[in-house]
C-alpha atoms as a PDB file:
ATOM      1  CA  MET A   1       6.397  -0.932 -87.353  1.00  0.00           C
ATOM      2  CA  GLN A   2       3.086   0.781 -86.694  1.00  0.00           C
ATOM      3  CA  GLN A   3       1.392   2.061 -89.817  1.00  0.00           C
ATOM      4  CA  LYS A   4       0.437   5.719 -90.057  1.00  0.00           C
ATOM      5  CA  PRO A   5      -3.333   6.019 -89.506  1.00  0.00           C
ATOM      6  CA  GLU A   6      -5.402   6.678 -92.594  1.00  0.00           C
ATOM      7  CA  LYS A   7      -6.962  10.042 -93.107  1.00  0.00           C
ATOM      8  CA  PRO A   8     -10.747   9.728 -93.289  1.00  0.00           C
ATOM      9  CA  VAL A   9     -11.921   9.161 -96.861  1.00  0.00           C
ATOM     10  CA  LYS A  10     -15.470   9.815 -97.929  1.00  0.00           C
ATOM     11  CA  SER A  11     -17.319   6.724 -99.075  1.00  0.00           C
ATOM     12  CA  VAL A  12     -18.813   6.833-102.555  1.00  0.00           C
ATOM     13  CA  LYS A  13     -22.066   4.933-102.690  1.00  0.00           C
ATOM     14  CA  SER A  14     -24.401   4.366-105.601  1.00  0.00           C
ATOM     15  CA  ALA A  15     -28.124   4.926-105.145  1.00  0.00           C
ATOM     16  CA  LYS A  16     -30.158   1.750-104.806  1.00  0.00           C
ATOM     17  CA  PRO A  17     -33.868   1.165-104.340  1.00  0.00           C
ATOM     18  CA  ALA A  18     -35.065   0.397-100.825  1.00  0.00           C
ATOM     19  CA  LYS A  19     -35.058  -3.308 -99.976  1.00  0.00           C
ATOM     20  CA  PRO A  20     -37.294  -4.609 -97.173  1.00  0.00           C
ATOM     21  CA  PHE A  21     -34.881  -7.094 -95.655  1.00  0.00           C
ATOM     22  CA  LYS A  22     -33.373  -7.528 -92.224  1.00  0.00           C
ATOM     23  CA  ASN A  23     -29.698  -6.704 -92.309  1.00  0.00           C
ATOM     24  CA  ILE A  24     -28.628  -4.999 -89.069  1.00  0.00           C
ATOM     25  CA  ILE A  25     -26.703  -6.909 -86.383  1.00  0.00           C
ATOM     26  CA  ALA A  26     -25.926  -5.398 -82.973  1.00  0.00           C
ATOM     27  CA  VAL A  27     -22.880  -6.944 -81.311  1.00  0.00           C
ATOM     28  CA  ALA A  28     -23.314  -6.428 -77.582  1.00  0.00           C
ATOM     29  CA  ASN A  29     -22.270  -7.641 -74.168  1.00  0.00           C
ATOM     30  CA  GLN A  30     -22.421  -5.405 -71.113  1.00  0.00           C
ATOM     31  CA  LYS A  31     -19.227  -7.044 -69.848  1.00  0.00           C
ATOM     32  CA  GLY A  32     -16.064  -5.498 -71.258  1.00  0.00           C
ATOM     33  CA  GLY A  33     -12.988  -7.348 -72.480  1.00  0.00           C
ATOM     34  CA  VAL A  34     -14.832 -10.159 -74.267  1.00  0.00           C
ATOM     35  CA  GLY A  35     -13.497  -9.466 -77.761  1.00  0.00           C
ATOM     36  CA  LYS A  36     -16.541  -7.528 -78.938  1.00  0.00           C
ATOM     37  CA  THR A  37     -14.774  -4.946 -81.103  1.00  0.00           C
ATOM     38  CA  THR A  38     -12.317  -7.545 -82.394  1.00  0.00           C
ATOM     39  CA  SER A  39     -15.295  -9.640 -83.444  1.00  0.00           C
ATOM     40  CA  VAL A  40     -16.993  -6.709 -85.182  1.00  0.00           C
ATOM     41  CA  ILE A  41     -13.924  -5.730 -87.212  1.00  0.00           C
ATOM     42  CA  ASN A  42     -12.894  -9.239 -88.232  1.00  0.00           C
ATOM     43  CA  LEU A  43     -16.412 -10.451 -88.960  1.00  0.00           C
ATOM     44  CA  ALA A  44     -16.913  -7.398 -91.176  1.00  0.00           C
ATOM     45  CA  ALA A  45     -13.564  -7.992 -92.900  1.00  0.00           C
ATOM     46  CA  ALA A  46     -14.335 -11.678 -93.463  1.00  0.00           C
ATOM     47  CA  LEU A  47     -17.754 -10.836 -94.909  1.00  0.00           C
ATOM     48  CA  SER A  48     -16.181  -8.191 -97.155  1.00  0.00           C
ATOM     49  CA  LYS A  49     -13.881 -10.868 -98.555  1.00  0.00           C
ATOM     50  CA  ARG A  50     -17.062 -12.695 -99.566  1.00  0.00           C
ATOM     51  CA  ARG A  51     -17.972  -9.665-101.710  1.00  0.00           C
ATOM     52  CA  LYS A  52     -20.495  -8.351 -99.216  1.00  0.00           C
ATOM     53  CA  LYS A  53     -21.074  -4.612 -98.873  1.00  0.00           C
ATOM     54  CA  ILE A  54     -20.584  -3.981 -95.138  1.00  0.00           C
ATOM     55  CA  LEU A  55     -21.041  -0.987 -92.851  1.00  0.00           C
ATOM     56  CA  VAL A  56     -19.594  -1.001 -89.331  1.00  0.00           C
ATOM     57  CA  VAL A  57     -21.196   1.413 -86.865  1.00  0.00           C
ATOM     58  CA  ASP A  58     -18.904   2.378 -83.989  1.00  0.00           C
ATOM     59  CA  LEU A  59     -21.326   3.143 -81.150  1.00  0.00           C
ATOM     60  CA  ASP A  60     -18.687   3.006 -78.394  1.00  0.00           C
ATOM     61  CA  PRO A  61     -17.352   6.334 -77.085  1.00  0.00           C
ATOM     62  CA  GLN A  62     -13.898   4.745 -76.799  1.00  0.00           C
ATOM     63  CA  GLY A  63     -13.828   4.611 -80.596  1.00  0.00           C
ATOM     64  CA  ASN A  64     -11.821   1.377 -80.644  1.00  0.00           C
ATOM     65  CA  ALA A  65     -13.489   0.089 -83.801  1.00  0.00           C
ATOM     66  CA  THR A  66     -12.589   3.373 -85.509  1.00  0.00           C
ATOM     67  CA  THR A  67      -8.887   3.235 -84.619  1.00  0.00           C
ATOM     68  CA  GLY A  68      -8.855  -0.526 -85.255  1.00  0.00           C
ATOM     69  CA  CYS A  69      -9.912   0.240 -88.830  1.00  0.00           C
ATOM     70  CA  GLY A  70      -6.927   2.540 -89.303  1.00  0.00           C
ATOM     71  CA  ILE A  71      -8.904   5.790 -88.986  1.00  0.00           C
ATOM     72  CA  GLU A  72      -7.500   8.699 -86.981  1.00  0.00           C
ATOM     73  CA  LYS A  73     -10.533   9.524 -84.836  1.00  0.00           C
ATOM     74  CA  ASN A  74      -9.189  12.936 -83.791  1.00  0.00           C
ATOM     75  CA  GLN A  75      -9.137  14.091 -87.435  1.00  0.00           C
ATOM     76  CA  LEU A  76     -12.772  13.308 -88.226  1.00  0.00           C
ATOM     77  CA  ASP A  77     -14.906  16.013 -89.800  1.00  0.00           C
ATOM     78  CA  HIS A  78     -18.047  14.235 -88.627  1.00  0.00           C
ATOM     79  CA  SER A  79     -18.807  11.198 -86.493  1.00  0.00           C
ATOM     80  CA  ILE A  80     -21.768   9.226 -85.215  1.00  0.00           C
ATOM     81  CA  TYR A  81     -22.147  11.887 -82.532  1.00  0.00           C
ATOM     82  CA  ASP A  82     -23.193  14.360 -85.228  1.00  0.00           C
ATOM     83  CA  VAL A  83     -25.763  11.890 -86.544  1.00  0.00           C
ATOM     84  CA  LEU A  84     -27.315  11.307 -83.122  1.00  0.00           C
ATOM     85  CA  ILE A  85     -27.118  14.812 -81.645  1.00  0.00           C
ATOM     86  CA  ASN A  86     -26.701  17.357 -84.448  1.00  0.00           C
ATOM     87  CA  ASP A  87     -28.959  15.684 -87.047  1.00  0.00           C
ATOM     88  CA  VAL A  88     -26.169  15.661 -89.630  1.00  0.00           C
ATOM     89  CA  ASN A  89     -27.063  13.510 -92.636  1.00  0.00           C
ATOM     90  CA  ILE A  90     -25.617  10.037 -92.105  1.00  0.00           C
ATOM     91  CA  ASP A  91     -24.199   9.998 -95.654  1.00  0.00           C
ATOM     92  CA  GLU A  92     -21.898  12.864 -94.689  1.00  0.00           C
ATOM     93  CA  CYS A  93     -20.459  10.875 -91.784  1.00  0.00           C
ATOM     94  CA  ILE A  94     -19.769   7.480 -93.364  1.00  0.00           C
ATOM     95  CA  ILE A  95     -16.182   6.922 -94.492  1.00  0.00           C
ATOM     96  CA  THR A  96     -14.300   4.007 -96.027  1.00  0.00           C
ATOM     97  CA  SER A  97     -11.589   2.018 -94.254  1.00  0.00           C
ATOM     98  CA  ASN A  98      -9.267   1.019 -97.078  1.00  0.00           C
ATOM     99  CA  SER A  99      -7.161  -1.058 -94.696  1.00  0.00           C
ATOM    100  CA  CYS A 100     -10.139  -3.236 -93.724  1.00  0.00           C
ATOM    101  CA  GLY A 101     -12.256  -3.138 -96.861  1.00  0.00           C
ATOM    102  CA  PHE A 102     -15.597  -1.889 -95.552  1.00  0.00           C
ATOM    103  CA  ASP A 103     -17.435   1.335 -94.720  1.00  0.00           C
ATOM    104  CA  LEU A 104     -17.473   2.832 -91.240  1.00  0.00           C
ATOM    105  CA  LEU A 105     -19.646   5.214 -89.265  1.00  0.00           C
ATOM    106  CA  PRO A 106     -16.864   6.317 -86.904  1.00  0.00           C
ATOM    107  CA  ALA A 107     -16.839   7.461 -83.279  1.00  0.00           C
ATOM    108  CA  ASN A 108     -14.600   9.550 -81.074  1.00  0.00           C
ATOM    109  CA  ARG A 109     -14.745  10.946 -77.558  1.00  0.00           C
ATOM    110  CA  ASN A 110     -17.507  13.369 -78.492  1.00  0.00           C
ATOM    111  CA  LEU A 111     -19.848  10.409 -78.232  1.00  0.00           C
ATOM    112  CA  ALA A 112     -19.322  10.249 -74.472  1.00  0.00           C
ATOM    113  CA  GLY A 113     -21.458  13.370 -74.117  1.00  0.00           C
ATOM    114  CA  ALA A 114     -24.270  11.895 -76.175  1.00  0.00           C
ATOM    115  CA  GLU A 115     -25.535   9.854 -73.214  1.00  0.00           C
ATOM    116  CA  ILE A 116     -26.459  13.030 -71.352  1.00  0.00           C
ATOM    117  CA  GLU A 117     -27.669  14.956 -74.396  1.00  0.00           C
ATOM    118  CA  LEU A 118     -29.953  12.133 -75.534  1.00  0.00           C
ATOM    119  CA  VAL A 119     -31.838  12.049 -72.232  1.00  0.00           C
ATOM    120  CA  GLU A 120     -34.022  15.031 -73.180  1.00  0.00           C
ATOM    121  CA  ALA A 121     -34.237  14.169 -76.898  1.00  0.00           C
ATOM    122  CA  GLU A 122     -37.511  13.237 -78.535  1.00  0.00           C
ATOM    123  CA  ASN A 123     -37.669   9.549 -79.554  1.00  0.00           C
ATOM    124  CA  ARG A 124     -34.229   9.167 -78.008  1.00  0.00           C
ATOM    125  CA  GLU A 125     -34.175   5.363 -78.322  1.00  0.00           C
ATOM    126  CA  TYR A 126     -34.726   5.523 -82.087  1.00  0.00           C
ATOM    127  CA  LYS A 127     -32.121   8.084 -83.153  1.00  0.00           C
ATOM    128  CA  LEU A 128     -29.798   5.474 -84.657  1.00  0.00           C
ATOM    129  CA  LYS A 129     -32.648   3.402 -86.099  1.00  0.00           C
ATOM    130  CA  ASN A 130     -34.062   6.384 -87.982  1.00  0.00           C
ATOM    131  CA  ALA A 131     -30.631   7.337 -89.320  1.00  0.00           C
ATOM    132  CA  LEU A 132     -29.778   3.833 -90.517  1.00  0.00           C
ATOM    133  CA  ALA A 133     -33.172   3.473 -92.209  1.00  0.00           C
ATOM    134  CA  LYS A 134     -31.994   6.027 -94.773  1.00  0.00           C
ATOM    135  CA  ILE A 135     -29.010   3.969 -95.948  1.00  0.00           C
ATOM    136  CA  SER A 136     -29.588   0.330 -94.911  1.00  0.00           C
ATOM    137  CA  ALA A 137     -30.603  -0.688 -98.434  1.00  0.00           C
ATOM    138  CA  GLN A 138     -27.136   0.281 -99.685  1.00  0.00           C
ATOM    139  CA  TYR A 139     -25.537  -2.528 -97.654  1.00  0.00           C
ATOM    140  CA  ASP A 140     -25.731  -6.297 -97.452  1.00  0.00           C
ATOM    141  CA  LEU A 141     -25.086  -6.069 -93.717  1.00  0.00           C
ATOM    142  CA  ILE A 142     -24.687  -3.386 -91.049  1.00  0.00           C
ATOM    143  CA  ILE A 143     -22.809  -4.366 -87.873  1.00  0.00           C
ATOM    144  CA  ILE A 144     -23.108  -2.197 -84.747  1.00  0.00           C
ATOM    145  CA  ASP A 145     -20.349  -2.239 -82.139  1.00  0.00           C
ATOM    146  CA  CYS A 146     -22.233  -1.414 -78.929  1.00  0.00           C
ATOM    147  CA  PRO A 147     -20.620  -0.041 -75.744  1.00  0.00           C
ATOM    148  CA  PRO A 148     -19.776  -2.508 -72.928  1.00  0.00           C
ATOM    149  CA  SER A 149     -22.755  -1.402 -70.843  1.00  0.00           C
ATOM    150  CA  LEU A 150     -26.547  -1.394 -70.965  1.00  0.00           C
ATOM    151  CA  SER A 151     -26.600   2.348 -71.647  1.00  0.00           C
ATOM    152  CA  LEU A 152     -28.817   4.583 -73.761  1.00  0.00           C
ATOM    153  CA  LEU A 153     -26.326   4.185 -76.598  1.00  0.00           C
ATOM    154  CA  THR A 154     -26.600   0.401 -76.364  1.00  0.00           C
ATOM    155  CA  ILE A 155     -30.390   0.684 -76.314  1.00  0.00           C
ATOM    156  CA  ASN A 156     -30.136   2.731 -79.536  1.00  0.00           C
ATOM    157  CA  GLY A 157     -28.089  -0.089 -81.062  1.00  0.00           C
ATOM    158  CA  LEU A 158     -30.559  -2.757 -79.976  1.00  0.00           C
ATOM    159  CA  ALA A 159     -33.536  -0.659 -81.108  1.00  0.00           C
ATOM    160  CA  ALA A 160     -32.003  -0.327 -84.573  1.00  0.00           C
ATOM    161  CA  ALA A 161     -31.020  -3.972 -84.981  1.00  0.00           C
ATOM    162  CA  ASN A 162     -32.835  -6.970 -86.383  1.00  0.00           C
ATOM    163  CA  PHE A 163     -30.380  -9.370 -84.775  1.00  0.00           C
ATOM    164  CA  LEU A 164     -28.195  -9.586 -81.681  1.00  0.00           C
ATOM    165  CA  LEU A 165     -24.808 -11.307 -81.679  1.00  0.00           C
ATOM    166  CA  VAL A 166     -23.282 -11.869 -78.236  1.00  0.00           C
ATOM    167  CA  PRO A 167     -19.529 -12.528 -77.805  1.00  0.00           C
ATOM    168  CA  ILE A 168     -18.868 -14.521 -74.627  1.00  0.00           C
ATOM    169  CA  GLN A 169     -15.586 -15.234 -72.923  1.00  0.00           C
ATOM    170  CA  CYS A 170     -15.805 -18.636 -71.243  1.00  0.00           C
ATOM    171  CA  GLU A 171     -15.169 -17.602 -67.661  1.00  0.00           C
ATOM    172  CA  TYR A 172     -16.963 -17.682 -64.314  1.00  0.00           C
ATOM    173  CA  TYR A 173     -19.233 -14.624 -64.655  1.00  0.00           C
ATOM    174  CA  ALA A 174     -20.139 -15.197 -68.301  1.00  0.00           C
ATOM    175  CA  LEU A 175     -23.452 -16.996 -67.742  1.00  0.00           C
ATOM    176  CA  GLU A 176     -24.686 -14.487 -65.175  1.00  0.00           C
ATOM    177  CA  GLY A 177     -23.963 -11.538 -67.466  1.00  0.00           C
ATOM    178  CA  LEU A 178     -25.527 -13.343 -70.411  1.00  0.00           C
ATOM    179  CA  SER A 179     -28.713 -13.929 -68.434  1.00  0.00           C
ATOM    180  CA  ASP A 180     -28.971 -10.208 -67.624  1.00  0.00           C
ATOM    181  CA  LEU A 181     -28.448  -9.245 -71.273  1.00  0.00           C
ATOM    182  CA  LEU A 182     -31.045 -11.694 -72.588  1.00  0.00           C
ATOM    183  CA  ASN A 183     -33.565 -10.489 -70.004  1.00  0.00           C
ATOM    184  CA  THR A 184     -32.946  -6.925 -71.176  1.00  0.00           C
ATOM    185  CA  VAL A 185     -33.529  -7.975 -74.776  1.00  0.00           C
ATOM    186  CA  GLU A 186     -36.849  -9.585 -73.817  1.00  0.00           C
ATOM    187  CA  ARG A 187     -37.943  -6.325 -72.191  1.00  0.00           C
ATOM    188  CA  LEU A 188     -36.857  -4.378 -75.273  1.00  0.00           C
ATOM    189  CA  LYS A 189     -38.928  -6.688 -77.475  1.00  0.00           C
ATOM    190  CA  ILE A 190     -42.004  -5.665 -75.517  1.00  0.00           C
ATOM    191  CA  SER A 191     -41.385  -1.928 -75.264  1.00  0.00           C
ATOM    192  CA  ILE A 192     -39.014  -0.794 -78.037  1.00  0.00           C
ATOM    193  CA  ASN A 193     -38.106  -3.318 -80.732  1.00  0.00           C
ATOM    194  CA  PRO A 194     -40.391  -6.334 -81.205  1.00  0.00           C
ATOM    195  CA  ASP A 195     -38.401  -7.479 -84.261  1.00  0.00           C
ATOM    196  CA  ILE A 196     -35.016  -8.127 -82.639  1.00  0.00           C
ATOM    197  CA  GLU A 197     -33.877 -11.748 -82.445  1.00  0.00           C
ATOM    198  CA  VAL A 198     -30.823 -13.364 -80.893  1.00  0.00           C
ATOM    199  CA  LEU A 199     -28.815 -14.460 -83.916  1.00  0.00           C
ATOM    200  CA  GLY A 200     -26.188 -16.283 -81.916  1.00  0.00           C
ATOM    201  CA  LEU A 201     -23.720 -16.525 -79.077  1.00  0.00           C
ATOM    202  CA  VAL A 202     -20.048 -16.819 -79.971  1.00  0.00           C
ATOM    203  CA  ARG A 203     -17.298 -18.078 -77.671  1.00  0.00           C
ATOM    204  CA  THR A 204     -14.313 -15.734 -77.859  1.00  0.00           C
ATOM    205  CA  MET A 205     -10.740 -15.811 -76.513  1.00  0.00           C
ATOM    206  CA  PHE A 206     -11.248 -19.549 -76.074  1.00  0.00           C
ATOM    207  CA  ASP A 207      -8.463 -21.751 -74.730  1.00  0.00           C
ATOM    208  CA  GLY A 208      -9.323 -25.441 -74.882  1.00  0.00           C
ATOM    209  CA  ARG A 209      -6.501 -26.239 -72.426  1.00  0.00           C
ATOM    210  CA  ASN A 210      -8.335 -24.346 -69.702  1.00  0.00           C
ATOM    211  CA  ASN A 211     -10.666 -26.555 -67.623  1.00  0.00           C
ATOM    212  CA  LEU A 212     -12.898 -23.643 -66.608  1.00  0.00           C
ATOM    213  CA  ALA A 213     -13.279 -22.531 -70.223  1.00  0.00           C
ATOM    214  CA  ASN A 214     -14.360 -26.046 -71.167  1.00  0.00           C
ATOM    215  CA  GLN A 215     -16.827 -26.194 -68.278  1.00  0.00           C
ATOM    216  CA  VAL A 216     -18.432 -22.860 -69.196  1.00  0.00           C
ATOM    217  CA  SER A 217     -18.511 -23.888 -72.857  1.00  0.00           C
ATOM    218  CA  ALA A 218     -20.326 -27.096 -71.884  1.00  0.00           C
ATOM    219  CA  GLU A 219     -22.883 -25.053 -69.926  1.00  0.00           C
ATOM    220  CA  LEU A 220     -23.483 -22.847 -72.956  1.00  0.00           C
ATOM    221  CA  VAL A 221     -23.988 -25.910 -75.147  1.00  0.00           C
ATOM    222  CA  LYS A 222     -26.414 -27.312 -72.579  1.00  0.00           C
ATOM    223  CA  HIS A 223     -28.519 -24.180 -72.089  1.00  0.00           C
ATOM    224  CA  PHE A 224     -28.337 -22.573 -75.550  1.00  0.00           C
ATOM    225  CA  PRO A 225     -27.966 -25.447 -78.047  1.00  0.00           C
ATOM    226  CA  LYS A 226     -29.830 -23.635 -80.837  1.00  0.00           C
ATOM    227  CA  LYS A 227     -28.196 -20.239 -80.373  1.00  0.00           C
ATOM    228  CA  LEU A 228     -24.546 -21.130 -79.749  1.00  0.00           C
ATOM    229  CA  LEU A 229     -22.398 -20.795 -82.864  1.00  0.00           C
ATOM    230  CA  SER A 230     -20.295 -23.829 -83.632  1.00  0.00           C
ATOM    231  CA  THR A 231     -17.303 -21.579 -84.363  1.00  0.00           C
ATOM    232  CA  CYS A 232     -15.041 -20.806 -81.384  1.00  0.00           C
ATOM    233  CA  ILE A 233     -12.668 -17.847 -81.589  1.00  0.00           C
ATOM    234  CA  PRO A 234      -9.325 -18.839 -80.012  1.00  0.00           C
ATOM    235  CA  ARG A 235      -6.831 -16.702 -78.159  1.00  0.00           C
ATOM    236  CA  ASN A 236      -4.439 -15.629 -80.882  1.00  0.00           C
ATOM    237  CA  ILE A 237      -1.553 -13.191 -81.029  1.00  0.00           C
ATOM    238  CA  ARG A 238      -2.539 -11.888 -84.478  1.00  0.00           C
ATOM    239  CA  LEU A 239      -5.950 -10.838 -83.158  1.00  0.00           C
ATOM    240  CA  ALA A 240      -4.206  -8.865 -80.419  1.00  0.00           C
ATOM    241  CA  GLU A 241      -1.613  -7.311 -82.754  1.00  0.00           C
ATOM    242  CA  ALA A 242      -3.848  -6.228 -85.618  1.00  0.00           C
ATOM    243  CA  PRO A 243      -5.393  -3.094 -83.996  1.00  0.00           C
ATOM    244  CA  SER A 244      -1.938  -1.540 -83.525  1.00  0.00           C
ATOM    245  CA  PHE A 245      -1.548  -1.666 -87.325  1.00  0.00           C
ATOM    246  CA  GLY A 246      -5.021  -0.236 -87.964  1.00  0.00           C
ATOM    247  CA  ILE A 247      -6.031  -3.342 -89.884  1.00  0.00           C
ATOM    248  CA  SER A 248      -8.141  -6.443 -89.354  1.00  0.00           C
ATOM    249  CA  ALA A 249      -6.397  -9.687 -88.443  1.00  0.00           C
ATOM    250  CA  VAL A 250      -8.203 -11.274 -91.390  1.00  0.00           C
ATOM    251  CA  LYS A 251      -6.315  -8.930 -93.718  1.00  0.00           C
ATOM    252  CA  LEU A 252      -3.064  -8.864 -91.718  1.00  0.00           C
ATOM    253  CA  ASP A 253      -2.626 -12.635 -91.702  1.00  0.00           C
ATOM    254  CA  GLN A 254      -5.404 -14.693 -93.251  1.00  0.00           C
ATOM    255  CA  GLN A 255      -3.768 -17.963 -92.207  1.00  0.00           C
ATOM    256  CA  ALA A 256      -3.586 -17.130 -88.496  1.00  0.00           C
ATOM    257  CA  LEU A 257      -5.802 -19.290 -86.272  1.00  0.00           C
ATOM    258  CA  GLY A 258      -7.887 -16.303 -85.208  1.00  0.00           C
ATOM    259  CA  SER A 259      -8.360 -15.109 -88.771  1.00  0.00           C
ATOM    260  CA  ARG A 260      -9.433 -18.547 -89.972  1.00  0.00           C
ATOM    261  CA  ALA A 261     -11.915 -18.718 -87.089  1.00  0.00           C
ATOM    262  CA  TYR A 262     -13.542 -15.416 -88.087  1.00  0.00           C
ATOM    263  CA  ILE A 263     -13.684 -16.505 -91.735  1.00  0.00           C
ATOM    264  CA  ALA A 264     -15.485 -19.675 -90.601  1.00  0.00           C
ATOM    265  CA  MET A 265     -17.750 -17.588 -88.372  1.00  0.00           C
ATOM    266  CA  ALA A 266     -18.652 -15.350 -91.333  1.00  0.00           C
ATOM    267  CA  LYS A 267     -19.734 -18.413 -93.309  1.00  0.00           C
ATOM    268  CA  GLU A 268     -21.857 -19.549 -90.361  1.00  0.00           C
ATOM    269  CA  ILE A 269     -23.471 -16.104 -90.035  1.00  0.00           C
ATOM    270  CA  VAL A 270     -24.316 -16.068 -93.746  1.00  0.00           C
ATOM    271  CA  ARG A 271     -25.999 -19.458 -93.398  1.00  0.00           C
ATOM    272  CA  LEU A 272     -28.005 -18.275 -90.385  1.00  0.00           C
ATOM    273  CA  LEU A 273     -29.177 -15.153 -92.207  1.00  0.00           C
END
C-alpha cells in the first residue's frame, strides 16, 4: 500500500561556526534514466545511517528527489525556485524528510521556469553557490541532484560543487555521453569553477549477465581506472519500488541487493573524501 506523502516539516538546525572544507557533491549525467535520483536518495540515506548530517538539493524541475523522499511537492510553502529566483533565505526553504532521515531543499514544477528567468539574472551561474555558502557548514555533506541535461540549472549545480559524481548505465551510448560531460566540466574549471573535481564514476542498473554491460564496464575500467568506483549498483526491484512509498530503498529494505550496494558505495565515498 502506498504511504500518504509527508507534509513538509521545517528543519531545525543549530548554529555552527563556518568550516572551510569541501563538502558539496553534484550528481550529474546529461543522459536521463541512469539512476541519478535513485543514487542521490540512497547515497544520502546510507550516509545518514553513518551519523552524517546530509542535505539533498533537488535541482531537477521534475522534483523526483522530492517525491522520492516522501514530500508532497504541490504542498510546499517554498522551494529551491524561491531561493534561485525570489531571493528567499535558504533556511526558510529547507525541510526534513523523516522517511529518509536527511534534510532536503525541495523542488516542484515552478523550477521549470527558472531556466528562462535566470538568463537575465546577475551572476546567474552562482545563484545556488551563493545560497549554499550560507548553510554548508551546518552539514557534513550536501548532495545536488542535477537535471538530466547540460542546462543553466545543471551549470548552477556544477558551479556550487566541489566534487562531481557521475552515475553511468553500462550501455552503448554511455561512453560518448560521459566524454561530453567531462569535456564540459573541463571548460567549467576554466571559466566558472576551478575547484571542481571528478570524485568518481559509478556503474548503475548493472546486470552482470549482460554481455554488453560487461563490455562497457571493461571499457570504463580501462579508460578511468582511478575514477571508477569499485561498487556497482545492480538492477534491483527494491530500488524501483521505494519511490512509490516515499522512502529510500536503504530504509525500506536494508538487506536488499541494491540497498547493500549503496551502503557499500557510501563507505567508498567517505574514504575518497
